[in-house]
Amino acid sequence: MLHYLLAERLQEYFSPLRMFQAITFRAIYATVMAFLTSVLLGPWMIRKLQELRFGQQVRPEGLESHLSKQGTPTMGGLLIVAAWLISTVLWARFDNPLVWSAVFATLWFGTIGFLDDWTKIRQKRSLGLTARQKIALQVVGAAGIGYYLSTYAGGQTLSATALVFPFLKGVHPVLPVWAYVAFVVIVIVGSANAVNLTDGQDGLAITCVSFVAGTLAVLAYVTSHAIAAEYLGIPHMPNTGELTVFCTALVGAGLGFLWWNAYPADMIMGDTGSMALGGAIGAVALAIKQELLLPILGGIFVVEAISVMLQVWHYRRTGGERLFRMAPIHHHFEKGGMPEPKITVRFWIVAAILMLVAISTLKVR
């Protein structure tokens, strides 16, 4: 919106307004605005959630240390989504179809999370929508995004259904539309649920998502820059640049939420936040053709999801024996006696290292 009003309409009357054309300028201030919005709206959101009695429901069979979280205001993901959306609307260009696809993914999956949280609160239990209901809604939304991306050209230098392999230069296999749509469903649904599983300790998921979103912002920018893309040997996709603004707004909103979610949390994001964030990073990774890099970049989320799958598989195979003390794996360490803040910070460190590894793939081809 600001680009349209200031850079396009008023620049001829006041030349310094041309700075609003620059993606980097808008990305920086999208971060700042989203952060400030999240921090300043936080106290109001916490009070409102308390008034509505939107409190966290803790499983009776869960960790004893988490019983103190019972009643902590949940659905704080509404704060993240609001701060991100306000900043994105103001600083990003909405004449960009890739921005629309990422916004749709965030809001669609955030709505699914909201329905899940609402069901938990209304029925006063730790389980919300059924697994079938959630997966069905997720698949419908992700399939729609997949079909849309499969038809998008946008001046990019490779097929809309092509894949780009990390570490390999010039390897871009093209999938049939049906296979590409199925692939998109796997990526976005997997991303949303993996972030959801990671959201089990104060500050854990939101910080890891911020690392991922920040890295995707860098990747979106260099992908859109003709000279940088040619130098790095990656496909040039001119329209991905606006996703830099989308991602930095996500980083700002996430850091602002961390202000209130740091241990001990004053507010929990709930499925409203974790689903929205997972859908967002999955959609952006697909739009900039870095979906195969996402398992490295979001390695924390991958390990958390795999730990749950292994736990279920082992439990069924052995007739009740557990592979981990508790899953997801951050609970395994917590049940072993490690304090929650120490686990969280160590996971942050691993997430930061994975971020550096992901960025290094730009040169290792």
Protein backbone atom coordinates (compact mmCIF):
# COMPACT_ATOMS: atom_id res chain seq x y z
CA MET A 1 0.00 0.00 0.00
CA LEU A 2 2.76 2.47 0.93
CA HIS A 3 4.60 1.61 -2.28
CA TYR A 4 1.53 2.51 -4.31
CA LEU A 5 0.73 5.70 -2.40
CA LEU A 6 4.23 7.07 -1.94
CA ALA A 7 6.51 5.60 -4.61
CA GLU A 8 4.01 5.57 -7.47
CA ARG A 9 1.68 8.47 -6.72
CA LEU A 10 3.66 11.07 -4.77
CA GLN A 11 7.28 10.52 -5.85
CA GLU A 12 7.03 13.08 -8.64
CA TYR A 13 6.24 15.75 -6.03
CA PHE A 14 8.88 14.68 -3.50
CA SER A 15 11.78 12.68 -4.98
CA PRO A 16 13.08 11.13 -1.69
CA LEU A 17 9.94 8.98 -1.66
CA ARG A 18 11.59 6.81 -4.31
CA MET A 19 13.20 4.93 -1.41
CA PHE A 20 9.85 3.17 -1.02
CA GLN A 21 10.57 1.38 -4.29
CA ALA A 22 13.50 -0.45 -2.70
CA ILE A 23 12.66 -3.92 -1.42
CA THR A 24 15.40 -3.75 1.22
CA PHE A 25 14.04 -0.48 2.66
CA ARG A 26 10.50 -1.83 2.84
CA ALA A 27 11.69 -5.14 4.27
CA ILE A 28 13.51 -3.41 7.12
CA TYR A 29 10.55 -1.28 8.10
CA ALA A 30 8.12 -4.16 7.67
CA THR A 31 10.16 -5.93 10.37
CA VAL A 32 10.16 -2.89 12.64
CA MET A 33 6.43 -2.22 12.24
CA ALA A 34 5.44 -5.85 12.80
CA PHE A 35 7.66 -6.03 15.90
CA LEU A 36 6.28 -2.83 17.42
CA THR A 37 2.70 -3.81 16.60
CA SER A 38 3.16 -7.18 18.30
CA VAL A 39 4.85 -5.70 21.38
CA LEU A 40 2.40 -2.82 21.80
CA LEU A 41 -0.75 -4.91 21.21
CA GLY A 42 0.53 -7.72 23.46
CA PRO A 43 -0.83 -6.46 26.82
CA TRP A 44 -4.25 -5.75 25.33
CA MET A 45 -4.34 -9.19 23.69
CA ILE A 46 -3.36 -10.93 26.94
CA ARG A 47 -6.09 -9.09 28.89
CA LYS A 48 -8.68 -9.84 26.23
CA LEU A 49 -7.82 -13.56 26.14
CA GLN A 50 -8.00 -13.68 29.94
CA GLU A 51 -11.39 -11.95 29.93
CA LEU A 52 -12.68 -14.46 27.38
CA ARG A 53 -11.12 -17.29 29.44
CA PHE A 54 -9.17 -18.55 26.46
CA GLY A 55 -6.74 -20.55 28.58
CA GLN A 56 -4.36 -23.36 27.67
CA GLN A 57 -5.66 -26.88 28.24
CA VAL A 58 -2.91 -29.22 29.49
CA ARG A 59 -3.16 -33.00 29.05
CA PRO A 60 -3.51 -34.79 32.42
CA GLU A 61 -0.96 -37.41 31.28
CA GLY A 62 1.52 -34.71 30.25
CA LEU A 63 4.54 -33.37 32.09
CA GLU A 64 4.02 -32.23 35.67
CA SER A 65 6.13 -29.14 34.99
CA HIS A 66 3.56 -28.08 32.39
CA LEU A 67 0.61 -28.14 34.77
CA SER A 68 1.54 -24.58 35.75
CA LYS A 69 0.75 -23.55 32.16
CA GLN A 70 -2.90 -24.52 32.64
CA GLY A 71 -4.98 -21.43 31.98
CA THR A 72 -2.19 -19.41 30.35
CA PRO A 73 -3.83 -17.28 27.63
CA THR A 74 -3.71 -19.20 24.37
CA MET A 75 -4.62 -18.34 20.77
CA GLY A 76 -1.82 -15.76 20.90
CA GLY A 77 -1.29 -16.64 17.27
CA LEU A 78 -3.95 -14.01 16.61
CA LEU A 79 -1.40 -11.40 17.71
CA ILE A 80 1.25 -12.81 15.36
CA VAL A 81 -1.14 -12.92 12.41
CA ALA A 82 -2.49 -9.42 13.09
CA ALA A 83 0.98 -7.85 13.39
CA TRP A 84 2.27 -9.67 10.32
CA LEU A 85 -0.81 -8.87 8.21
CA ILE A 86 -0.86 -5.15 9.08
CA SER A 87 2.83 -4.83 8.23
CA THR A 88 2.57 -6.89 5.04
CA VAL A 89 -0.42 -4.92 3.76
CA LEU A 90 1.39 -1.62 4.35
CA TRP A 91 4.87 -2.50 3.08
CA ALA A 92 4.48 -5.25 0.44
CA ARG A 93 3.17 -4.87 -3.10
CA PHE A 94 -0.10 -6.71 -3.53
CA ASP A 95 0.08 -6.67 -7.31
CA ASN A 96 2.39 -9.66 -6.86
CA PRO A 97 0.62 -13.06 -7.22
CA LEU A 98 3.23 -14.85 -5.10
CA VAL A 99 2.45 -12.58 -2.16
CA TRP A 100 -1.23 -13.43 -2.52
CA SER A 101 -0.50 -17.18 -2.50
CA ALA A 102 1.62 -16.88 0.65
CA VAL A 103 -0.98 -14.68 2.37
CA PHE A 104 -3.70 -17.18 1.48
CA ALA A 105 -1.64 -20.07 2.91
CA THR A 106 -1.02 -18.20 6.16
CA LEU A 107 -4.65 -17.21 6.67
CA TRP A 108 -6.06 -20.59 5.59
CA PHE A 109 -3.87 -22.59 7.94
CA GLY A 110 -4.27 -19.98 10.68
CA THR A 111 -8.04 -20.41 10.39
CA ILE A 112 -7.71 -24.18 10.75
CA GLY A 113 -5.60 -23.62 13.87
CA PHE A 114 -8.16 -21.14 15.20
CA LEU A 115 -10.97 -23.69 14.76
CA ASP A 116 -8.84 -26.27 16.56
CA ASP A 117 -8.10 -23.92 19.46
CA TRP A 118 -11.72 -22.80 19.66
CA THR A 119 -12.90 -26.41 19.88
CA LYS A 120 -10.45 -27.12 22.70
CA ILE A 121 -11.59 -24.07 24.67
CA ARG A 122 -15.30 -24.61 24.08
CA GLN A 123 -15.14 -28.28 25.06
CA LYS A 124 -12.48 -27.69 27.79
CA ARG A 125 -10.17 -30.44 26.61
CA SER A 126 -6.65 -30.71 25.20
CA LEU A 127 -7.84 -32.13 21.85
CA GLY A 128 -9.64 -29.94 19.31
CA LEU A 129 -10.63 -30.91 15.77
CA THR A 130 -10.24 -34.56 14.87
CA ALA A 131 -7.16 -35.59 12.88
CA ARG A 132 -9.35 -36.30 9.84
CA GLN A 133 -10.96 -32.87 9.98
CA LYS A 134 -7.64 -31.07 10.23
CA ILE A 135 -5.94 -33.07 7.49
CA ALA A 136 -8.91 -32.69 5.13
CA LEU A 137 -8.95 -28.90 5.53
CA GLN A 138 -5.16 -28.72 5.19
CA VAL A 139 -5.12 -30.82 2.03
CA VAL A 140 -7.84 -28.72 0.37
CA GLY A 141 -5.99 -25.46 1.02
CA ALA A 142 -2.57 -26.82 0.05
CA ALA A 143 -3.94 -28.41 -3.14
CA GLY A 144 -5.41 -25.07 -4.16
CA ILE A 145 -2.05 -23.38 -3.64
CA GLY A 146 -0.30 -26.17 -5.53
CA TYR A 147 -2.57 -25.83 -8.54
CA TYR A 148 -2.18 -22.07 -8.54
CA LEU A 149 1.63 -22.27 -8.42
CA SER A 150 1.63 -24.91 -11.18
CA THR A 151 -0.02 -22.40 -13.54
CA TYR A 152 2.16 -19.43 -12.56
CA ALA A 153 4.79 -18.15 -15.00
CA GLY A 154 5.72 -14.66 -13.80
CA GLY A 155 8.81 -14.27 -15.94
CA GLN A 156 10.71 -17.04 -14.17
CA THR A 157 13.44 -18.88 -16.03
CA LEU A 158 12.20 -22.43 -15.45
CA SER A 159 8.95 -24.38 -15.52
CA ALA A 160 6.37 -23.67 -12.83
CA THR A 161 6.41 -27.34 -11.81
CA ALA A 162 10.19 -27.72 -11.79
CA LEU A 163 12.17 -28.60 -8.67
CA VAL A 164 15.53 -27.08 -7.69
CA PHE A 165 17.97 -29.33 -5.85
CA PRO A 166 20.31 -27.87 -3.21
CA PHE A 167 24.03 -28.45 -3.88
CA LEU A 168 23.35 -29.28 -7.55
CA LYS A 169 23.63 -26.74 -10.35
CA GLY A 170 21.26 -26.94 -13.31
CA VAL A 171 19.31 -29.97 -12.03
CA HIS A 172 15.64 -28.96 -12.41
CA PRO A 173 13.37 -31.96 -13.03
CA VAL A 174 9.88 -30.99 -14.18
CA LEU A 175 6.93 -32.78 -12.58
CA PRO A 176 3.51 -33.37 -14.14
CA VAL A 177 0.90 -31.01 -12.70
CA TRP A 178 -0.80 -33.73 -10.62
CA ALA A 179 2.52 -34.82 -9.11
CA TYR A 180 3.53 -31.24 -8.40
CA VAL A 181 0.22 -30.51 -6.65
CA ALA A 182 0.67 -33.67 -4.54
CA PHE A 183 4.22 -32.55 -3.73
CA VAL A 184 2.97 -29.11 -2.65
CA VAL A 185 0.39 -30.74 -0.38
CA ILE A 186 3.11 -32.80 1.29
CA VAL A 187 5.38 -29.78 1.78
CA ILE A 188 2.80 -27.35 3.17
CA VAL A 189 0.82 -29.85 5.27
CA GLY A 190 4.07 -31.33 6.57
CA SER A 191 5.45 -27.88 7.39
CA ALA A 192 2.30 -26.76 9.21
CA ASN A 193 2.09 -29.90 11.34
CA ALA A 194 5.82 -29.99 12.08
CA VAL A 195 5.75 -26.42 13.43
CA ASN A 196 2.63 -27.34 15.40
CA LEU A 197 4.44 -30.28 17.04
CA THR A 198 7.43 -28.08 17.88
CA ASP A 199 5.24 -25.60 19.76
CA GLY A 200 5.52 -27.26 23.16
CA GLN A 201 7.88 -25.03 25.11
CA ASP A 202 7.93 -21.30 25.73
CA GLY A 203 9.70 -19.46 22.91
CA LEU A 204 10.80 -22.61 21.08
CA ALA A 205 8.68 -22.67 17.92
CA ILE A 206 8.46 -18.91 17.37
CA THR A 207 12.23 -18.40 17.47
CA CYS A 208 12.94 -21.33 15.15
CA VAL A 209 10.29 -20.01 12.73
CA SER A 210 11.93 -16.56 12.86
CA PHE A 211 15.28 -18.09 11.85
CA VAL A 212 13.61 -19.90 8.95
CA ALA A 213 11.62 -16.86 7.81
CA GLY A 214 14.71 -14.64 7.95
CA THR A 215 16.65 -17.08 5.79
CA LEU A 216 13.78 -17.37 3.31
CA ALA A 217 13.78 -13.57 3.09
CA VAL A 218 17.43 -13.64 1.99
CA LEU A 219 16.76 -16.44 -0.49
CA ALA A 220 13.73 -14.65 -1.93
CA TYR A 221 15.76 -11.50 -2.46
CA VAL A 222 18.75 -13.10 -4.20
CA THR A 223 16.40 -15.21 -6.34
CA SER A 224 14.72 -12.03 -7.57
CA HIS A 225 18.02 -10.24 -8.27
CA ALA A 226 19.25 -11.04 -11.79
CA ILE A 227 22.95 -10.46 -11.10
CA ALA A 228 22.94 -12.26 -7.74
CA ALA A 229 21.00 -15.22 -9.16
CA GLU A 230 23.40 -15.58 -12.09
CA TYR A 231 26.43 -15.34 -9.80
CA LEU A 232 25.07 -17.94 -7.39
CA GLY A 233 23.86 -20.27 -10.14
CA ILE A 234 20.24 -20.31 -9.04
CA PRO A 235 17.15 -19.76 -11.22
CA HIS A 236 16.20 -16.11 -11.58
CA MET A 237 12.58 -15.44 -10.57
CA PRO A 238 11.89 -11.67 -10.72
CA ASN A 239 8.67 -11.66 -8.72
CA THR A 240 10.00 -13.38 -5.60
CA GLY A 241 11.49 -10.16 -4.26
CA GLU A 242 8.23 -9.05 -2.61
CA LEU A 243 8.28 -12.23 -0.54
CA THR A 244 11.30 -10.71 1.19
CA VAL A 245 8.94 -8.14 2.70
CA PHE A 246 6.41 -10.87 3.56
CA CYS A 247 9.09 -12.88 5.39
CA THR A 248 10.62 -9.97 7.28
CA ALA A 249 7.16 -8.95 8.48
CA LEU A 250 6.83 -12.52 9.76
CA VAL A 251 10.19 -12.20 11.56
CA GLY A 252 9.15 -8.91 13.18
CA ALA A 253 5.78 -10.29 14.30
CA GLY A 254 7.49 -13.40 15.64
CA LEU A 255 10.11 -11.49 17.64
CA GLY A 256 7.40 -9.22 19.02
CA PHE A 257 5.42 -12.26 20.11
CA LEU A 258 8.56 -13.74 21.70
CA TRP A 259 8.57 -10.65 23.93
CA TRP A 260 5.45 -12.10 25.59
CA ASN A 261 6.15 -15.79 24.95
CA ALA A 262 9.63 -15.99 26.51
CA TYR A 263 9.86 -18.28 29.54
CA PRO A 264 7.69 -18.17 31.59
CA ALA A 265 5.19 -17.30 28.86
CA ASP A 266 2.50 -14.69 29.39
CA MET A 267 0.76 -15.97 26.28
CA ILE A 268 0.87 -19.10 24.11
CA MET A 269 0.44 -19.03 20.33
CA GLY A 270 -1.74 -22.15 20.16
CA ASP A 271 -2.56 -23.90 16.92
CA THR A 272 -3.75 -20.55 15.53
CA GLY A 273 -0.15 -19.38 15.41
CA SER A 274 1.74 -22.60 14.76
CA MET A 275 -0.47 -23.64 11.84
CA ALA A 276 -0.34 -20.17 10.28
CA LEU A 277 3.44 -19.98 10.59
CA GLY A 278 3.99 -23.48 9.24
CA GLY A 279 1.72 -22.81 6.28
CA ALA A 280 3.51 -19.53 5.60
CA ILE A 281 7.06 -20.89 5.49
CA GLY A 282 5.98 -23.87 3.41
CA ALA A 283 4.24 -21.64 0.86
CA VAL A 284 7.19 -19.23 0.61
CA ALA A 285 9.71 -22.07 0.18
CA LEU A 286 7.62 -23.42 -2.70
CA ALA A 287 7.18 -20.00 -4.32
CA ILE A 288 10.94 -19.35 -4.41
CA LYS A 289 11.78 -22.94 -5.45
CA GLN A 290 13.63 -23.75 -2.21
CA GLU A 291 11.24 -26.41 -0.96
CA LEU A 292 13.92 -29.13 -1.02
CA LEU A 293 16.11 -26.90 1.15
CA LEU A 294 13.35 -26.61 3.76
CA PRO A 295 14.18 -29.94 5.52
CA ILE A 296 17.70 -28.61 6.15
CA LEU A 297 16.65 -25.09 7.07
CA GLY A 298 13.79 -26.30 9.24
CA GLY A 299 15.69 -29.29 10.57
CA ILE A 300 14.36 -28.73 14.10
CA PHE A 301 10.80 -29.12 12.84
CA VAL A 302 11.75 -32.22 10.85
CA VAL A 303 13.36 -33.91 13.87
CA GLU A 304 10.37 -33.06 16.07
CA ALA A 305 7.93 -34.57 13.55
CA ILE A 306 10.07 -37.66 12.97
CA SER A 307 10.35 -38.25 16.72
CA VAL A 308 6.56 -38.40 16.97
CA MET A 309 6.26 -40.78 14.01
CA LEU A 310 8.98 -43.04 15.40
CA GLN A 311 7.34 -43.04 18.81
CA VAL A 312 3.97 -44.08 17.37
CA TRP A 313 5.55 -46.72 15.11
CA HIS A 314 7.64 -48.23 17.90
CA TYR A 315 4.74 -48.17 20.36
CA ARG A 316 2.50 -50.08 17.94
CA ARG A 317 5.19 -52.50 16.83
CA THR A 318 6.20 -53.47 20.37
CA GLY A 319 2.73 -53.42 21.90
CA GLY A 320 3.26 -50.50 24.25
CA GLU A 321 7.02 -49.93 24.58
CA ARG A 322 8.19 -46.31 24.17
CA LEU A 323 11.23 -45.34 22.11
CA PHE A 324 11.50 -41.91 23.77
CA ARG A 325 10.48 -40.92 27.29
CA MET A 326 7.94 -38.66 25.61
CA ALA A 327 7.41 -37.19 22.15
CA PRO A 328 7.97 -34.73 20.51
CA ILE A 329 11.64 -34.99 21.33
CA HIS A 330 11.91 -31.75 23.31
CA HIS A 331 9.66 -33.43 25.90
CA HIS A 332 12.04 -36.41 25.95
CA PHE A 333 14.82 -34.17 27.23
CA GLU A 334 12.49 -32.37 29.62
CA LYS A 335 11.25 -35.64 31.11
CA GLY A 336 14.90 -36.63 31.54
CA GLY A 337 15.36 -33.72 33.93
CA MET A 338 16.73 -30.97 31.69
CA PRO A 339 15.17 -27.55 32.47
CA GLU A 340 12.83 -26.19 29.81
CA PRO A 341 14.80 -22.94 29.19
CA LYS A 342 18.02 -24.89 28.59
CA ILE A 343 16.34 -27.19 26.06
CA THR A 344 14.81 -24.22 24.27
CA VAL A 345 18.07 -22.28 23.99
CA ARG A 346 19.96 -25.34 22.76
CA PHE A 347 17.34 -25.91 20.08
CA TRP A 348 17.72 -22.23 19.10
CA ILE A 349 21.46 -22.77 18.69
CA VAL A 350 20.91 -25.77 16.41
CA ALA A 351 18.34 -23.79 14.41
CA ALA A 352 20.86 -20.97 13.92
CA ILE A 353 23.52 -23.42 12.70
CA LEU A 354 21.04 -24.97 10.26
CA MET A 355 20.24 -21.49 8.99
CA LEU A 356 23.92 -20.96 8.16
CA VAL A 357 24.15 -24.36 6.46
CA ALA A 358 21.10 -23.54 4.34
CA ILE A 359 22.56 -20.21 3.23
CA SER A 360 25.87 -21.92 2.39
CA THR A 361 24.11 -24.06 -0.22
CA LEU A 362 23.92 -20.95 -2.41
CA LYS A 363 27.66 -21.29 -3.00
CA VAL A 364 27.98 -25.08 -2.87
CA ARG A 365 26.65 -26.12 -6.27
